[in-house]
mmCIF file of all heavy atoms, coordinates in Angstrom:
data_MODEL
# 
_entry.id   MODEL 
# 
loop_
_atom_site.group_PDB 
_atom_site.id 
_atom_site.type_symbol 
_atom_site.label_atom_id 
_atom_site.label_alt_id 
_atom_site.label_comp_id 
_atom_site.label_asym_id 
_atom_site.label_entity_id 
_atom_site.label_seq_id 
_atom_site.pdbx_PDB_ins_code 
_atom_site.Cartn_x 
_atom_site.Cartn_y 
_atom_site.Cartn_z 
_atom_site.occupancy 
_atom_site.B_iso_or_equiv 
_atom_site.pdbx_formal_charge 
_atom_site.auth_seq_id 
_atom_site.auth_comp_id 
_atom_site.auth_asym_id 
_atom_site.auth_atom_id 
_atom_site.pdbx_PDB_model_num 
ATOM 1   N N   . ASP A 1 1  ? 11.118  2.070  -19.489 1.00 0.00 ? 1  ASP A N   1 
ATOM 2   C CA  . ASP A 1 1  ? 9.696   1.820  -19.514 1.00 0.00 ? 1  ASP A CA  1 
ATOM 3   C C   . ASP A 1 1  ? 9.384   0.351  -19.810 1.00 0.00 ? 1  ASP A C   1 
ATOM 4   O O   . ASP A 1 1  ? 8.338   -0.096 -19.460 1.00 0.00 ? 1  ASP A O   1 
ATOM 5   C CB  . ASP A 1 1  ? 9.031   2.690  -20.636 1.00 0.00 ? 1  ASP A CB  1 
ATOM 6   C CG  . ASP A 1 1  ? 9.048   4.165  -20.290 1.00 0.00 ? 1  ASP A CG  1 
ATOM 7   O OD1 . ASP A 1 1  ? 9.511   4.501  -19.207 1.00 0.00 ? 1  ASP A OD1 1 
ATOM 8   O OD2 . ASP A 1 1  ? 8.638   4.942  -21.171 1.00 0.00 ? 1  ASP A OD2 1 
ATOM 9   N N   . ASP A 1 2  ? 10.380  -0.375 -20.411 1.00 0.00 ? 2  ASP A N   1 
ATOM 10  C CA  . ASP A 1 2  ? 10.065  -1.723 -20.769 1.00 0.00 ? 2  ASP A CA  1 
ATOM 11  C C   . ASP A 1 2  ? 10.353  -2.752 -19.707 1.00 0.00 ? 2  ASP A C   1 
ATOM 12  O O   . ASP A 1 2  ? 10.010  -3.940 -19.852 1.00 0.00 ? 2  ASP A O   1 
ATOM 13  C CB  . ASP A 1 2  ? 10.865  -2.116 -22.057 1.00 0.00 ? 2  ASP A CB  1 
ATOM 14  C CG  . ASP A 1 2  ? 10.371  -1.383 -23.290 1.00 0.00 ? 2  ASP A CG  1 
ATOM 15  O OD1 . ASP A 1 2  ? 9.210   -0.987 -23.315 1.00 0.00 ? 2  ASP A OD1 1 
ATOM 16  O OD2 . ASP A 1 2  ? 11.165  -1.224 -24.224 1.00 0.00 ? 2  ASP A OD2 1 
ATOM 17  N N   . HIS A 1 3  ? 10.954  -2.289 -18.571 1.00 0.00 ? 3  HIS A N   1 
ATOM 18  C CA  . HIS A 1 3  ? 11.252  -3.276 -17.477 1.00 0.00 ? 3  HIS A CA  1 
ATOM 19  C C   . HIS A 1 3  ? 10.859  -2.855 -16.122 1.00 0.00 ? 3  HIS A C   1 
ATOM 20  O O   . HIS A 1 3  ? 11.012  -3.560 -15.158 1.00 0.00 ? 3  HIS A O   1 
ATOM 21  C CB  . HIS A 1 3  ? 12.769  -3.498 -17.496 1.00 0.00 ? 3  HIS A CB  1 
ATOM 22  C CG  . HIS A 1 3  ? 13.266  -4.279 -18.691 1.00 0.00 ? 3  HIS A CG  1 
ATOM 23  N ND1 . HIS A 1 3  ? 13.329  -5.703 -18.690 1.00 0.00 ? 3  HIS A ND1 1 
ATOM 24  C CD2 . HIS A 1 3  ? 13.674  -3.870 -19.896 1.00 0.00 ? 3  HIS A CD2 1 
ATOM 25  C CE1 . HIS A 1 3  ? 13.810  -6.047 -19.857 1.00 0.00 ? 3  HIS A CE1 1 
ATOM 26  N NE2 . HIS A 1 3  ? 13.981  -4.993 -20.605 1.00 0.00 ? 3  HIS A NE2 1 
ATOM 27  N N   . ALA A 1 4  ? 10.141  -1.691 -15.992 1.00 0.00 ? 4  ALA A N   1 
ATOM 28  C CA  . ALA A 1 4  ? 9.761   -1.173 -14.685 1.00 0.00 ? 4  ALA A CA  1 
ATOM 29  C C   . ALA A 1 4  ? 8.305   -1.404 -14.398 1.00 0.00 ? 4  ALA A C   1 
ATOM 30  O O   . ALA A 1 4  ? 7.525   -1.328 -15.293 1.00 0.00 ? 4  ALA A O   1 
ATOM 31  C CB  . ALA A 1 4  ? 10.156  0.321  -14.557 1.00 0.00 ? 4  ALA A CB  1 
ATOM 32  N N   . ILE A 1 5  ? 7.963   -1.628 -13.143 1.00 0.00 ? 5  ILE A N   1 
ATOM 33  C CA  . ILE A 1 5  ? 6.642   -1.765 -12.651 1.00 0.00 ? 5  ILE A CA  1 
ATOM 34  C C   . ILE A 1 5  ? 6.423   -0.985 -11.331 1.00 0.00 ? 5  ILE A C   1 
ATOM 35  O O   . ILE A 1 5  ? 7.361   -1.031 -10.540 1.00 0.00 ? 5  ILE A O   1 
ATOM 36  C CB  . ILE A 1 5  ? 6.296   -3.285 -12.421 1.00 0.00 ? 5  ILE A CB  1 
ATOM 37  C CG1 . ILE A 1 5  ? 6.341   -4.005 -13.709 1.00 0.00 ? 5  ILE A CG1 1 
ATOM 38  C CG2 . ILE A 1 5  ? 4.908   -3.439 -11.787 1.00 0.00 ? 5  ILE A CG2 1 
ATOM 39  C CD1 . ILE A 1 5  ? 6.220   -5.574 -13.606 1.00 0.00 ? 5  ILE A CD1 1 
ATOM 40  N N   . ILE A 1 6  ? 5.365   -0.305 -11.258 1.00 0.00 ? 6  ILE A N   1 
ATOM 41  C CA  . ILE A 1 6  ? 5.045   0.353  -9.967  1.00 0.00 ? 6  ILE A CA  1 
ATOM 42  C C   . ILE A 1 6  ? 3.946   -0.411 -9.200  1.00 0.00 ? 6  ILE A C   1 
ATOM 43  O O   . ILE A 1 6  ? 2.957   -0.854 -9.756  1.00 0.00 ? 6  ILE A O   1 
ATOM 44  C CB  . ILE A 1 6  ? 4.540   1.768  -10.235 1.00 0.00 ? 6  ILE A CB  1 
ATOM 45  C CG1 . ILE A 1 6  ? 5.575   2.646  -10.961 1.00 0.00 ? 6  ILE A CG1 1 
ATOM 46  C CG2 . ILE A 1 6  ? 4.105   2.459  -8.893  1.00 0.00 ? 6  ILE A CG2 1 
ATOM 47  C CD1 . ILE A 1 6  ? 6.828   2.847  -10.110 1.00 0.00 ? 6  ILE A CD1 1 
ATOM 48  N N   . VAL A 1 7  ? 4.197   -0.701 -7.943  1.00 0.00 ? 7  VAL A N   1 
ATOM 49  C CA  . VAL A 1 7  ? 3.329   -1.339 -7.039  1.00 0.00 ? 7  VAL A CA  1 
ATOM 50  C C   . VAL A 1 7  ? 3.016   -0.443 -5.870  1.00 0.00 ? 7  VAL A C   1 
ATOM 51  O O   . VAL A 1 7  ? 3.750   0.510  -5.581  1.00 0.00 ? 7  VAL A O   1 
ATOM 52  C CB  . VAL A 1 7  ? 3.788   -2.699 -6.532  1.00 0.00 ? 7  VAL A CB  1 
ATOM 53  C CG1 . VAL A 1 7  ? 4.101   -3.648 -7.706  1.00 0.00 ? 7  VAL A CG1 1 
ATOM 54  C CG2 . VAL A 1 7  ? 5.067   -2.502 -5.668  1.00 0.00 ? 7  VAL A CG2 1 
ATOM 55  N N   . THR A 1 8  ? 1.881   -0.724 -5.142  1.00 0.00 ? 8  THR A N   1 
ATOM 56  C CA  . THR A 1 8  ? 1.658   0.045  -3.939  1.00 0.00 ? 8  THR A CA  1 
ATOM 57  C C   . THR A 1 8  ? 2.243   -0.592 -2.708  1.00 0.00 ? 8  THR A C   1 
ATOM 58  O O   . THR A 1 8  ? 2.611   0.143  -1.741  1.00 0.00 ? 8  THR A O   1 
ATOM 59  C CB  . THR A 1 8  ? 0.125   0.200  -3.667  1.00 0.00 ? 8  THR A CB  1 
ATOM 60  O OG1 . THR A 1 8  ? -0.401  -1.109 -3.427  1.00 0.00 ? 8  THR A OG1 1 
ATOM 61  C CG2 . THR A 1 8  ? -0.597  0.871  -4.799  1.00 0.00 ? 8  THR A CG2 1 
ATOM 62  N N   . ASP A 1 9  ? 2.361   -1.949 -2.611  1.00 0.00 ? 9  ASP A N   1 
ATOM 63  C CA  . ASP A 1 9  ? 2.738   -2.644 -1.384  1.00 0.00 ? 9  ASP A CA  1 
ATOM 64  C C   . ASP A 1 9  ? 1.739   -2.223 -0.283  1.00 0.00 ? 9  ASP A C   1 
ATOM 65  O O   . ASP A 1 9  ? 2.134   -2.106 0.834   1.00 0.00 ? 9  ASP A O   1 
ATOM 66  C CB  . ASP A 1 9  ? 4.130   -2.351 -0.929  1.00 0.00 ? 9  ASP A CB  1 
ATOM 67  C CG  . ASP A 1 9  ? 4.714   -3.359 0.099   1.00 0.00 ? 9  ASP A CG  1 
ATOM 68  O OD1 . ASP A 1 9  ? 4.042   -4.433 0.275   1.00 0.00 ? 9  ASP A OD1 1 
ATOM 69  O OD2 . ASP A 1 9  ? 5.696   -3.040 0.713   1.00 0.00 ? 9  ASP A OD2 1 
ATOM 70  N N   . ALA A 1 10 ? 0.432   -2.104 -0.684  1.00 0.00 ? 10 ALA A N   1 
ATOM 71  C CA  . ALA A 1 10 ? -0.566  -1.530 0.283   1.00 0.00 ? 10 ALA A CA  1 
ATOM 72  C C   . ALA A 1 10 ? -0.824  -2.509 1.364   1.00 0.00 ? 10 ALA A C   1 
ATOM 73  O O   . ALA A 1 10 ? -0.875  -3.698 1.239   1.00 0.00 ? 10 ALA A O   1 
ATOM 74  C CB  . ALA A 1 10 ? -1.867  -1.325 -0.560  1.00 0.00 ? 10 ALA A CB  1 
ATOM 75  N N   . VAL A 1 11 ? -0.981  -1.885 2.602   1.00 0.00 ? 11 VAL A N   1 
ATOM 76  C CA  . VAL A 1 11 ? -1.361  -2.641 3.794   1.00 0.00 ? 11 VAL A CA  1 
ATOM 77  C C   . VAL A 1 11 ? -2.814  -2.116 4.174   1.00 0.00 ? 11 VAL A C   1 
ATOM 78  O O   . VAL A 1 11 ? -3.377  -1.200 3.500   1.00 0.00 ? 11 VAL A O   1 
ATOM 79  C CB  . VAL A 1 11 ? -0.436  -2.424 4.902   1.00 0.00 ? 11 VAL A CB  1 
ATOM 80  C CG1 . VAL A 1 11 ? 0.927   -3.107 4.653   1.00 0.00 ? 11 VAL A CG1 1 
ATOM 81  C CG2 . VAL A 1 11 ? -0.200  -0.946 5.254   1.00 0.00 ? 11 VAL A CG2 1 
ATOM 82  N N   . ALA A 1 12 ? -3.342  -2.627 5.157   1.00 0.00 ? 12 ALA A N   1 
ATOM 83  C CA  . ALA A 1 12 ? -4.757  -2.392 5.515   1.00 0.00 ? 12 ALA A CA  1 
ATOM 84  C C   . ALA A 1 12 ? -5.156  -0.829 5.539   1.00 0.00 ? 12 ALA A C   1 
ATOM 85  O O   . ALA A 1 12 ? -6.252  -0.562 5.071   1.00 0.00 ? 12 ALA A O   1 
ATOM 86  C CB  . ALA A 1 12 ? -5.043  -2.907 6.921   1.00 0.00 ? 12 ALA A CB  1 
ATOM 87  N N   . PRO A 1 13 ? -4.273  0.069  5.981   1.00 0.00 ? 13 PRO A N   1 
ATOM 88  C CA  . PRO A 1 13 ? -4.753  1.471  5.938   1.00 0.00 ? 13 PRO A CA  1 
ATOM 89  C C   . PRO A 1 13 ? -4.922  2.064  4.594   1.00 0.00 ? 13 PRO A C   1 
ATOM 90  O O   . PRO A 1 13 ? -5.533  3.176  4.467   1.00 0.00 ? 13 PRO A O   1 
ATOM 91  C CB  . PRO A 1 13 ? -3.613  2.223  6.725   1.00 0.00 ? 13 PRO A CB  1 
ATOM 92  C CG  . PRO A 1 13 ? -2.859  1.118  7.458   1.00 0.00 ? 13 PRO A CG  1 
ATOM 93  C CD  . PRO A 1 13 ? -3.017  -0.089 6.593   1.00 0.00 ? 13 PRO A CD  1 
ATOM 94  N N   . ALA A 1 14 ? -4.462  1.456  3.493   1.00 0.00 ? 14 ALA A N   1 
ATOM 95  C CA  . ALA A 1 14 ? -4.428  2.042  2.195   1.00 0.00 ? 14 ALA A CA  1 
ATOM 96  C C   . ALA A 1 14 ? -5.915  2.315  1.848   1.00 0.00 ? 14 ALA A C   1 
ATOM 97  O O   . ALA A 1 14 ? -6.840  1.530  1.985   1.00 0.00 ? 14 ALA A O   1 
ATOM 98  C CB  . ALA A 1 14 ? -3.894  1.095  1.249   1.00 0.00 ? 14 ALA A CB  1 
ATOM 99  N N   . GLY A 1 15 ? -6.102  3.510  1.286   1.00 0.00 ? 15 GLY A N   1 
ATOM 100 C CA  . GLY A 1 15 ? -7.468  3.981  0.912   1.00 0.00 ? 15 GLY A CA  1 
ATOM 101 C C   . GLY A 1 15 ? -8.229  4.617  1.965   1.00 0.00 ? 15 GLY A C   1 
ATOM 102 O O   . GLY A 1 15 ? -9.374  5.087  1.726   1.00 0.00 ? 15 GLY A O   1 
ATOM 103 N N   . LEU A 1 16 ? -7.717  4.626  3.264   1.00 0.00 ? 16 LEU A N   1 
ATOM 104 C CA  . LEU A 1 16 ? -8.527  5.133  4.335   1.00 0.00 ? 16 LEU A CA  1 
ATOM 105 C C   . LEU A 1 16 ? -7.974  6.418  4.950   1.00 0.00 ? 16 LEU A C   1 
ATOM 106 O O   . LEU A 1 16 ? -8.706  7.325  5.296   1.00 0.00 ? 16 LEU A O   1 
ATOM 107 C CB  . LEU A 1 16 ? -8.675  4.107  5.445   1.00 0.00 ? 16 LEU A CB  1 
ATOM 108 C CG  . LEU A 1 16 ? -9.506  2.895  5.181   1.00 0.00 ? 16 LEU A CG  1 
ATOM 109 C CD1 . LEU A 1 16 ? -9.586  2.039  6.473   1.00 0.00 ? 16 LEU A CD1 1 
ATOM 110 C CD2 . LEU A 1 16 ? -10.906 3.341  4.784   1.00 0.00 ? 16 LEU A CD2 1 
ATOM 111 N N   . GLY A 1 17 ? -6.637  6.466  5.129   1.00 0.00 ? 17 GLY A N   1 
ATOM 112 C CA  . GLY A 1 17 ? -6.124  7.656  5.785   1.00 0.00 ? 17 GLY A CA  1 
ATOM 113 C C   . GLY A 1 17 ? -5.432  7.303  7.118   1.00 0.00 ? 17 GLY A C   1 
ATOM 114 O O   . GLY A 1 17 ? -5.303  6.162  7.498   1.00 0.00 ? 17 GLY A O   1 
ATOM 115 N N   . PRO A 1 18 ? -5.134  8.384  7.933   1.00 0.00 ? 18 PRO A N   1 
ATOM 116 C CA  . PRO A 1 18 ? -4.513  8.206  9.192   1.00 0.00 ? 18 PRO A CA  1 
ATOM 117 C C   . PRO A 1 18 ? -5.342  7.308  10.178  1.00 0.00 ? 18 PRO A C   1 
ATOM 118 O O   . PRO A 1 18 ? -6.546  7.327  10.105  1.00 0.00 ? 18 PRO A O   1 
ATOM 119 C CB  . PRO A 1 18 ? -4.297  9.545  9.760   1.00 0.00 ? 18 PRO A CB  1 
ATOM 120 C CG  . PRO A 1 18 ? -4.337  10.488 8.525   1.00 0.00 ? 18 PRO A CG  1 
ATOM 121 C CD  . PRO A 1 18 ? -5.282  9.807  7.545   1.00 0.00 ? 18 PRO A CD  1 
ATOM 122 N N   . GLY A 1 19 ? -4.652  6.579  11.102  1.00 0.00 ? 19 GLY A N   1 
ATOM 123 C CA  . GLY A 1 19 ? -5.341  5.819  12.069  1.00 0.00 ? 19 GLY A CA  1 
ATOM 124 C C   . GLY A 1 19 ? -4.463  4.621  12.538  1.00 0.00 ? 19 GLY A C   1 
ATOM 125 O O   . GLY A 1 19 ? -3.300  4.557  12.240  1.00 0.00 ? 19 GLY A O   1 
ATOM 126 N N   . ARG A 1 20 ? -5.092  3.721  13.288  1.00 0.00 ? 20 ARG A N   1 
ATOM 127 C CA  . ARG A 1 20 ? -4.442  2.591  13.838  1.00 0.00 ? 20 ARG A CA  1 
ATOM 128 C C   . ARG A 1 20 ? -4.948  1.305  13.133  1.00 0.00 ? 20 ARG A C   1 
ATOM 129 O O   . ARG A 1 20 ? -6.110  1.100  13.030  1.00 0.00 ? 20 ARG A O   1 
ATOM 130 C CB  . ARG A 1 20 ? -4.559  2.436  15.331  1.00 0.00 ? 20 ARG A CB  1 
ATOM 131 C CG  . ARG A 1 20 ? -3.745  1.376  15.963  1.00 0.00 ? 20 ARG A CG  1 
ATOM 132 C CD  . ARG A 1 20 ? -3.875  1.368  17.516  1.00 0.00 ? 20 ARG A CD  1 
ATOM 133 N NE  . ARG A 1 20 ? -3.213  2.563  18.062  1.00 0.00 ? 20 ARG A NE  1 
ATOM 134 C CZ  . ARG A 1 20 ? -1.956  2.733  18.339  1.00 0.00 ? 20 ARG A CZ  1 
ATOM 135 N NH1 . ARG A 1 20 ? -1.072  1.721  18.027  1.00 0.00 ? 20 ARG A NH1 1 
ATOM 136 N NH2 . ARG A 1 20 ? -1.512  3.816  18.820  1.00 0.00 ? 20 ARG A NH2 1 
ATOM 137 N N   . TYR A 1 21 ? -3.999  0.511  12.644  1.00 0.00 ? 21 TYR A N   1 
ATOM 138 C CA  . TYR A 1 21 ? -4.390  -0.716 11.893  1.00 0.00 ? 21 TYR A CA  1 
ATOM 139 C C   . TYR A 1 21 ? -3.425  -1.860 12.150  1.00 0.00 ? 21 TYR A C   1 
ATOM 140 O O   . TYR A 1 21 ? -2.415  -1.716 12.853  1.00 0.00 ? 21 TYR A O   1 
ATOM 141 C CB  . TYR A 1 21 ? -4.350  -0.400 10.360  1.00 0.00 ? 21 TYR A CB  1 
ATOM 142 C CG  . TYR A 1 21 ? -5.093  0.811  9.949   1.00 0.00 ? 21 TYR A CG  1 
ATOM 143 C CD1 . TYR A 1 21 ? -4.514  2.131  9.923   1.00 0.00 ? 21 TYR A CD1 1 
ATOM 144 C CD2 . TYR A 1 21 ? -6.442  0.761  9.554   1.00 0.00 ? 21 TYR A CD2 1 
ATOM 145 C CE1 . TYR A 1 21 ? -5.218  3.190  9.508   1.00 0.00 ? 21 TYR A CE1 1 
ATOM 146 C CE2 . TYR A 1 21 ? -7.182  1.795  9.180   1.00 0.00 ? 21 TYR A CE2 1 
ATOM 147 C CZ  . TYR A 1 21 ? -6.546  3.070  9.171   1.00 0.00 ? 21 TYR A CZ  1 
ATOM 148 O OH  . TYR A 1 21 ? -7.210  4.200  8.757   1.00 0.00 ? 21 TYR A OH  1 
ATOM 149 N N   . ASN A 1 22 ? -3.768  -3.061 11.614  1.00 0.00 ? 22 ASN A N   1 
ATOM 150 C CA  . ASN A 1 22 ? -2.954  -4.223 11.783  1.00 0.00 ? 22 ASN A CA  1 
ATOM 151 C C   . ASN A 1 22 ? -2.496  -4.752 10.465  1.00 0.00 ? 22 ASN A C   1 
ATOM 152 O O   . ASN A 1 22 ? -3.089  -4.571 9.483   1.00 0.00 ? 22 ASN A O   1 
ATOM 153 C CB  . ASN A 1 22 ? -3.755  -5.310 12.479  1.00 0.00 ? 22 ASN A CB  1 
ATOM 154 C CG  . ASN A 1 22 ? -4.131  -5.031 13.879  1.00 0.00 ? 22 ASN A CG  1 
ATOM 155 O OD1 . ASN A 1 22 ? -3.272  -4.529 14.621  1.00 0.00 ? 22 ASN A OD1 1 
ATOM 156 N ND2 . ASN A 1 22 ? -5.343  -5.326 14.275  1.00 0.00 ? 22 ASN A ND2 1 
ATOM 157 N N   . LEU A 1 23 ? -1.222  -5.317 10.529  1.00 0.00 ? 23 LEU A N   1 
ATOM 158 C CA  . LEU A 1 23 ? -0.700  -6.106 9.403   1.00 0.00 ? 23 LEU A CA  1 
ATOM 159 C C   . LEU A 1 23 ? 0.067   -7.269 10.059  1.00 0.00 ? 23 LEU A C   1 
ATOM 160 O O   . LEU A 1 23 ? 1.152   -7.068 10.578  1.00 0.00 ? 23 LEU A O   1 
ATOM 161 C CB  . LEU A 1 23 ? 0.288   -5.257 8.492   1.00 0.00 ? 23 LEU A CB  1 
ATOM 162 C CG  . LEU A 1 23 ? 1.063   -6.056 7.469   1.00 0.00 ? 23 LEU A CG  1 
ATOM 163 C CD1 . LEU A 1 23 ? 0.198   -6.703 6.474   1.00 0.00 ? 23 LEU A CD1 1 
ATOM 164 C CD2 . LEU A 1 23 ? 2.084   -5.178 6.775   1.00 0.00 ? 23 LEU A CD2 1 
ATOM 165 N N   . GLY A 1 24 ? -0.522  -8.431 9.885   1.00 0.00 ? 24 GLY A N   1 
ATOM 166 C CA  . GLY A 1 24 ? 0.140   -9.590 10.492  1.00 0.00 ? 24 GLY A CA  1 
ATOM 167 C C   . GLY A 1 24 ? 0.284   -9.325 12.002  1.00 0.00 ? 24 GLY A C   1 
ATOM 168 O O   . GLY A 1 24 ? -0.619  -9.078 12.669  1.00 0.00 ? 24 GLY A O   1 
# 
């Protein structure tokens, strides 16, 4: 617990659901 971190590495679709999106 003292050295771990959780990230999302979220890209544009995060928070929306299925679909077509861009990243770079």
